[in-house]
């Protein structure tokens, strides 16, 4: 089953809010600059990538990871659709 971009965005938003924002997604939307707003730190990025691999059954090759992939929830969702299956 293939998920839509909006379904991936929803799952990523819920994960980020629950893991890094004490469950509060009120100021988080698909275009929030996650790195600039320091929502994602180096440790959080590792946790997020593990979630992406588990939740969406994809593989994140080390060479495929670029900061722009994690810039926003929208960017993360689009990136997930390009990753190879696990």
C-alpha atoms as a PDB file:
ATOM      1  CA  UNK A   1       0.000   0.000   0.000  1.00  0.00           C
ATOM      2  CA  UNK A   2       1.377   3.370  -1.024  1.00  0.00           C
ATOM      3  CA  UNK A   3       0.768   6.314   1.272  1.00  0.00           C
ATOM      4  CA  UNK A   4       0.030   9.794   0.000  1.00  0.00           C
ATOM      5  CA  UNK A   5       2.245  12.752   0.818  1.00  0.00           C
ATOM      6  CA  UNK A   6      -0.431  14.087   3.186  1.00  0.00           C
ATOM      7  CA  UNK A   7      -0.646  10.741   5.029  1.00  0.00           C
ATOM      8  CA  UNK A   8       3.132  10.703   5.459  1.00  0.00           C
ATOM      9  CA  UNK A   9       3.065  14.336   6.607  1.00  0.00           C
ATOM     10  CA  UNK A  10       0.399  13.477   9.188  1.00  0.00           C
ATOM     11  CA  UNK A  11       2.393  10.559  10.588  1.00  0.00           C
ATOM     12  CA  UNK A  12       5.607  12.610  10.703  1.00  0.00           C
ATOM     13  CA  UNK A  13       3.819  15.542  12.362  1.00  0.00           C
ATOM     14  CA  UNK A  14       2.350  13.274  15.055  1.00  0.00           C
ATOM     15  CA  UNK A  15       5.742  11.652  15.650  1.00  0.00           C
ATOM     16  CA  UNK A  16       7.638  14.957  15.908  1.00  0.00           C
ATOM     17  CA  UNK A  17       4.999  16.479  18.189  1.00  0.00           C
ATOM     18  CA  UNK A  18       4.903  13.409  20.407  1.00  0.00           C
ATOM     19  CA  UNK A  19       8.636  12.821  20.622  1.00  0.00           C
ATOM     20  CA  UNK A  20      10.127  16.304  20.555  1.00  0.00           C
ATOM     21  CA  UNK A  21       7.373  18.809  21.441  1.00  0.00           C
ATOM     22  CA  UNK A  22       5.600  17.191  24.409  1.00  0.00           C
ATOM     23  CA  UNK A  23       2.656  16.314  22.184  1.00  0.00           C
ATOM     24  CA  UNK A  24       1.972  19.928  21.206  1.00  0.00           C
ATOM     25  CA  UNK A  25       1.699  20.336  17.437  1.00  0.00           C
ATOM     26  CA  UNK A  26      -0.084  23.694  17.659  1.00  0.00           C
ATOM     27  CA  UNK A  27       2.807  25.631  16.131  1.00  0.00           C
ATOM     28  CA  UNK A  28       3.923  22.876  13.798  1.00  0.00           C
ATOM     29  CA  UNK A  29       2.799  22.710  10.184  1.00  0.00           C
ATOM     30  CA  UNK A  30       4.109  21.216   6.979  1.00  0.00           C
ATOM     31  CA  UNK A  31       6.344  24.233   6.275  1.00  0.00           C
ATOM     32  CA  UNK A  32       7.771  24.866   9.761  1.00  0.00           C
ATOM     33  CA  UNK A  33      11.579  25.150   9.409  1.00  0.00           C
ATOM     34  CA  UNK A  34      12.475  22.201  11.650  1.00  0.00           C
ATOM     35  CA  UNK A  35      16.244  22.697  11.676  1.00  0.00           C
ATOM     36  CA  UNK A  36      16.159  26.479  12.010  1.00  0.00           C
ATOM     37  CA  UNK A  37      13.568  26.301  14.790  1.00  0.00           C
ATOM     38  CA  UNK A  38      15.749  23.677  16.509  1.00  0.00           C
ATOM     39  CA  UNK A  39      12.894  21.197  16.585  1.00  0.00           C
ATOM     40  CA  UNK A  40      15.350  18.715  15.113  1.00  0.00           C
ATOM     41  CA  UNK A  41      18.714  18.385  16.836  1.00  0.00           C
ATOM     42  CA  UNK A  42      21.435  15.919  15.920  1.00  0.00           C
ATOM     43  CA  UNK A  43      20.064  13.352  18.372  1.00  0.00           C
ATOM     44  CA  UNK A  44      16.476  13.951  17.237  1.00  0.00           C
ATOM     45  CA  UNK A  45      17.520  13.397  13.619  1.00  0.00           C
ATOM     46  CA  UNK A  46      18.775   9.907  14.457  1.00  0.00           C
ATOM     47  CA  UNK A  47      15.493   9.161  16.242  1.00  0.00           C
ATOM     48  CA  UNK A  48      13.470  10.537  13.318  1.00  0.00           C
ATOM     49  CA  UNK A  49      15.381   8.506  10.730  1.00  0.00           C
ATOM     50  CA  UNK A  50      14.830   5.342  12.772  1.00  0.00           C
ATOM     51  CA  UNK A  51      11.107   6.171  12.861  1.00  0.00           C
ATOM     52  CA  UNK A  52      11.001   6.761   9.098  1.00  0.00           C
ATOM     53  CA  UNK A  53      12.691   3.442   8.399  1.00  0.00           C
ATOM     54  CA  UNK A  54      10.393   1.541  10.756  1.00  0.00           C
ATOM     55  CA  UNK A  55       7.109   3.304  10.025  1.00  0.00           C
ATOM     56  CA  UNK A  56       7.413   3.485   6.242  1.00  0.00           C
ATOM     57  CA  UNK A  57       9.560   0.384   5.711  1.00  0.00           C
ATOM     58  CA  UNK A  58      12.255   2.262   3.809  1.00  0.00           C
ATOM     59  CA  UNK A  59      16.020   2.334   3.958  1.00  0.00           C
ATOM     60  CA  UNK A  60      17.888   5.585   4.505  1.00  0.00           C
ATOM     61  CA  UNK A  61      21.311   5.135   2.911  1.00  0.00           C
ATOM     62  CA  UNK A  62      23.951   7.295   4.598  1.00  0.00           C
ATOM     63  CA  UNK A  63      24.903   8.927   1.325  1.00  0.00           C
ATOM     64  CA  UNK A  64      21.262   9.812   0.588  1.00  0.00           C
ATOM     65  CA  UNK A  65      20.827  12.000   3.672  1.00  0.00           C
ATOM     66  CA  UNK A  66      21.042  15.762   3.161  1.00  0.00           C
ATOM     67  CA  UNK A  67      19.891  18.527   5.539  1.00  0.00           C
ATOM     68  CA  UNK A  68      17.366  19.807   2.990  1.00  0.00           C
ATOM     69  CA  UNK A  69      15.535  16.472   3.277  1.00  0.00           C
ATOM     70  CA  UNK A  70      14.729  17.356   6.898  1.00  0.00           C
ATOM     71  CA  UNK A  71      14.058  21.070   6.456  1.00  0.00           C
ATOM     72  CA  UNK A  72      10.264  20.779   6.809  1.00  0.00           C
ATOM     73  CA  UNK A  73       7.633  18.100   7.292  1.00  0.00           C
ATOM     74  CA  UNK A  74       6.721  18.530   3.632  1.00  0.00           C
ATOM     75  CA  UNK A  75      10.359  17.915   2.617  1.00  0.00           C
ATOM     76  CA  UNK A  76      10.556  14.824   4.834  1.00  0.00           C
ATOM     77  CA  UNK A  77       7.371  13.371   3.304  1.00  0.00           C
ATOM     78  CA  UNK A  78       8.586  13.946  -0.248  1.00  0.00           C
ATOM     79  CA  UNK A  79      11.971  12.419   0.616  1.00  0.00           C
ATOM     80  CA  UNK A  80      10.352   9.309   2.112  1.00  0.00           C
ATOM     81  CA  UNK A  81       8.613   8.646  -1.227  1.00  0.00           C
ATOM     82  CA  UNK A  82      12.022   8.498  -2.956  1.00  0.00           C
ATOM     83  CA  UNK A  83      13.707   6.097  -0.523  1.00  0.00           C
ATOM     84  CA  UNK A  84      14.253   2.448  -1.417  1.00  0.00           C
ATOM     85  CA  UNK A  85      12.144  -0.165   0.378  1.00  0.00           C
ATOM     86  CA  UNK A  86      13.680  -1.938   3.359  1.00  0.00           C
END
